[in-house]
Amino acid sequence: MPKREKKKKEKELARVSRYYIIKGDKIERRLPVCDRCGPGYFMADHGDRYACGHCGFTRYKRRKH
């Protein structure tokens, strides 16, 4: 049997627009910064919570009733 060729995934480059919103002369962050690690460490959005990939800190979102 012939061997299958592995599919190569195209790497997506990190974009500034992915982490920031640019409004005129001001820059706003899209994601919160980790409370433990400080500025420079963004928390990942997991739907019902935010999680830091560096230290593992998790902050749950508040439910809107």
N, C-alpha and C. Protein backbone atom coordinates (compact mmCIF):
# COMPACT_ATOMS: atom_id res chain seq x y z
N MET A 1 0.83 -1.18 0.00
CA MET A 1 0.00 0.00 0.00
C MET A 1 0.88 1.25 0.00
N PRO A 2 0.47 2.24 -0.78
CA PRO A 2 1.26 3.48 -0.78
C PRO A 2 1.07 4.23 0.54
N LYS A 3 2.15 4.89 0.96
CA LYS A 3 2.10 5.65 2.20
C LYS A 3 1.36 6.97 1.98
N ARG A 4 0.65 7.37 2.99
CA ARG A 4 -0.07 8.64 2.91
C ARG A 4 0.89 9.79 3.19
N GLU A 5 0.65 10.88 2.51
CA GLU A 5 1.45 12.07 2.77
C GLU A 5 0.80 12.85 3.92
N LYS A 6 1.64 13.31 4.83
CA LYS A 6 1.11 14.09 5.94
C LYS A 6 0.73 15.48 5.46
N LYS A 7 -0.43 15.94 5.91
CA LYS A 7 -0.87 17.28 5.56
C LYS A 7 -0.16 18.29 6.45
N LYS A 8 0.36 19.32 5.86
CA LYS A 8 1.03 20.36 6.63
C LYS A 8 0.03 21.47 6.93
N LYS A 9 -0.04 21.85 8.19
CA LYS A 9 -0.92 22.94 8.58
C LYS A 9 -0.21 24.26 8.36
N GLU A 10 -0.94 25.21 7.84
CA GLU A 10 -0.36 26.53 7.66
C GLU A 10 -0.40 27.25 9.00
N LYS A 11 0.74 27.80 9.39
CA LYS A 11 0.80 28.50 10.66
C LYS A 11 0.24 29.90 10.48
N GLU A 12 -0.62 30.28 11.41
CA GLU A 12 -1.19 31.61 11.37
C GLU A 12 -0.33 32.51 12.25
N LEU A 13 0.12 33.59 11.69
CA LEU A 13 0.96 34.51 12.43
C LEU A 13 0.11 35.29 13.43
N ALA A 14 0.69 35.55 14.59
CA ALA A 14 -0.01 36.35 15.60
C ALA A 14 -0.15 37.76 15.08
N ARG A 15 -1.35 38.27 15.17
CA ARG A 15 -1.62 39.61 14.67
C ARG A 15 -1.90 40.54 15.84
N VAL A 16 -1.52 41.77 15.68
CA VAL A 16 -1.78 42.76 16.72
C VAL A 16 -3.28 42.96 16.87
N SER A 17 -4.02 42.89 15.76
CA SER A 17 -5.47 43.10 15.82
C SER A 17 -6.19 41.99 16.57
N ARG A 18 -5.50 40.90 16.82
CA ARG A 18 -6.08 39.79 17.54
C ARG A 18 -6.17 40.08 19.05
N TYR A 19 -5.27 40.91 19.55
CA TYR A 19 -5.19 41.20 20.97
C TYR A 19 -5.61 42.62 21.34
N TYR A 20 -5.63 43.52 20.36
CA TYR A 20 -5.94 44.92 20.63
C TYR A 20 -7.00 45.44 19.68
N ILE A 21 -7.75 46.45 20.13
CA ILE A 21 -8.69 47.18 19.29
C ILE A 21 -8.12 48.58 19.16
N ILE A 22 -7.95 49.05 17.94
CA ILE A 22 -7.39 50.38 17.71
C ILE A 22 -8.53 51.33 17.38
N LYS A 23 -8.73 52.33 18.24
CA LYS A 23 -9.76 53.34 18.03
C LYS A 23 -9.09 54.71 18.01
N GLY A 24 -8.90 55.24 16.81
CA GLY A 24 -8.25 56.55 16.69
C GLY A 24 -6.83 56.50 17.21
N ASP A 25 -6.55 57.28 18.27
CA ASP A 25 -5.23 57.31 18.86
C ASP A 25 -5.09 56.41 20.07
N LYS A 26 -6.17 55.73 20.45
CA LYS A 26 -6.15 54.89 21.65
C LYS A 26 -6.14 53.41 21.28
N ILE A 27 -5.54 52.62 22.16
CA ILE A 27 -5.50 51.16 21.99
C ILE A 27 -6.19 50.53 23.18
N GLU A 28 -7.12 49.61 22.92
CA GLU A 28 -7.83 48.89 23.99
C GLU A 28 -7.51 47.41 23.86
N ARG A 29 -7.37 46.74 25.00
CA ARG A 29 -7.12 45.30 24.99
C ARG A 29 -8.43 44.54 24.79
N ARG A 30 -8.39 43.48 24.01
CA ARG A 30 -9.58 42.64 23.82
C ARG A 30 -9.75 41.67 24.97
N LEU A 31 -8.64 41.15 25.50
CA LEU A 31 -8.67 40.16 26.57
C LEU A 31 -8.09 40.75 27.84
N PRO A 32 -8.52 40.26 29.00
CA PRO A 32 -7.96 40.77 30.25
C PRO A 32 -6.53 40.28 30.47
N VAL A 33 -5.83 40.99 31.35
CA VAL A 33 -4.46 40.64 31.71
C VAL A 33 -4.52 39.80 32.98
N CYS A 34 -3.61 38.86 33.13
CA CYS A 34 -3.58 37.98 34.29
C CYS A 34 -3.27 38.78 35.56
N ASP A 35 -4.02 38.51 36.63
CA ASP A 35 -3.84 39.20 37.90
C ASP A 35 -2.54 38.78 38.59
N ARG A 36 -2.13 37.56 38.40
CA ARG A 36 -0.90 37.06 39.04
C ARG A 36 0.35 37.46 38.26
N CYS A 37 0.33 37.26 36.95
CA CYS A 37 1.52 37.47 36.12
C CYS A 37 1.76 38.94 35.77
N GLY A 38 0.69 39.71 35.67
CA GLY A 38 0.83 41.13 35.38
C GLY A 38 0.73 41.44 33.89
N PRO A 39 1.07 42.68 33.53
CA PRO A 39 0.96 43.11 32.13
C PRO A 39 1.83 42.26 31.21
N GLY A 40 1.32 41.99 30.03
CA GLY A 40 2.07 41.20 29.06
C GLY A 40 1.58 39.77 28.95
N TYR A 41 0.78 39.32 29.92
CA TYR A 41 0.23 37.97 29.89
C TYR A 41 -1.28 38.05 29.76
N PHE A 42 -1.77 37.78 28.56
CA PHE A 42 -3.20 37.82 28.31
C PHE A 42 -3.84 36.52 28.74
N MET A 43 -5.10 36.60 29.13
CA MET A 43 -5.85 35.41 29.52
C MET A 43 -6.68 34.94 28.33
N ALA A 44 -6.76 33.64 28.15
CA ALA A 44 -7.51 33.05 27.04
C ALA A 44 -8.99 33.02 27.38
N ASP A 45 -9.83 33.24 26.38
CA ASP A 45 -11.28 33.25 26.56
C ASP A 45 -11.81 31.85 26.27
N HIS A 46 -12.42 31.21 27.28
CA HIS A 46 -12.95 29.86 27.13
C HIS A 46 -14.47 29.82 27.29
N GLY A 47 -15.15 30.87 26.86
CA GLY A 47 -16.60 30.88 26.93
C GLY A 47 -17.13 31.30 28.29
N ASP A 48 -17.01 30.44 29.30
CA ASP A 48 -17.54 30.75 30.62
C ASP A 48 -16.46 31.21 31.59
N ARG A 49 -15.20 31.28 31.12
CA ARG A 49 -14.11 31.66 32.01
C ARG A 49 -12.93 32.20 31.20
N TYR A 50 -12.02 32.89 31.91
CA TYR A 50 -10.75 33.31 31.34
C TYR A 50 -9.66 32.52 32.04
N ALA A 51 -8.65 32.08 31.31
CA ALA A 51 -7.58 31.28 31.89
C ALA A 51 -6.23 31.77 31.41
N CYS A 52 -5.26 31.81 32.32
CA CYS A 52 -3.89 32.20 31.98
C CYS A 52 -3.11 30.95 31.60
N GLY A 53 -2.46 30.97 30.46
CA GLY A 53 -1.67 29.83 30.02
C GLY A 53 -0.31 29.76 30.69
N HIS A 54 0.11 30.85 31.30
CA HIS A 54 1.43 30.89 31.93
C HIS A 54 1.41 30.28 33.33
N CYS A 55 0.46 30.74 34.19
CA CYS A 55 0.44 30.28 35.57
C CYS A 55 -0.76 29.39 35.90
N GLY A 56 -1.79 29.38 35.02
CA GLY A 56 -2.94 28.52 35.25
C GLY A 56 -4.07 29.20 36.02
N PHE A 57 -3.93 30.49 36.32
CA PHE A 57 -4.97 31.22 37.04
C PHE A 57 -6.25 31.27 36.21
N THR A 58 -7.40 31.03 36.84
CA THR A 58 -8.68 31.03 36.16
C THR A 58 -9.62 32.02 36.81
N ARG A 59 -10.27 32.84 35.99
CA ARG A 59 -11.26 33.79 36.47
C ARG A 59 -12.56 33.48 35.73
N TYR A 60 -13.62 33.19 36.50
CA TYR A 60 -14.91 32.85 35.89
C TYR A 60 -15.69 34.10 35.56
N LYS A 61 -16.42 34.04 34.43
CA LYS A 61 -17.25 35.16 34.02
C LYS A 61 -18.53 35.15 34.84
N ARG A 62 -19.06 36.32 35.05
CA ARG A 62 -20.34 36.41 35.77
C ARG A 62 -21.49 36.13 34.81
N ARG A 63 -22.47 35.42 35.30
CA ARG A 63 -23.64 35.11 34.48
C ARG A 63 -24.58 36.29 34.49
N LYS A 64 -25.12 36.62 33.33
CA LYS A 64 -26.10 37.69 33.23
C LYS A 64 -27.49 37.08 33.26
N HIS A 65 -28.30 37.53 34.18
CA HIS A 65 -29.66 36.98 34.31
C HIS A 65 -30.65 37.80 33.56
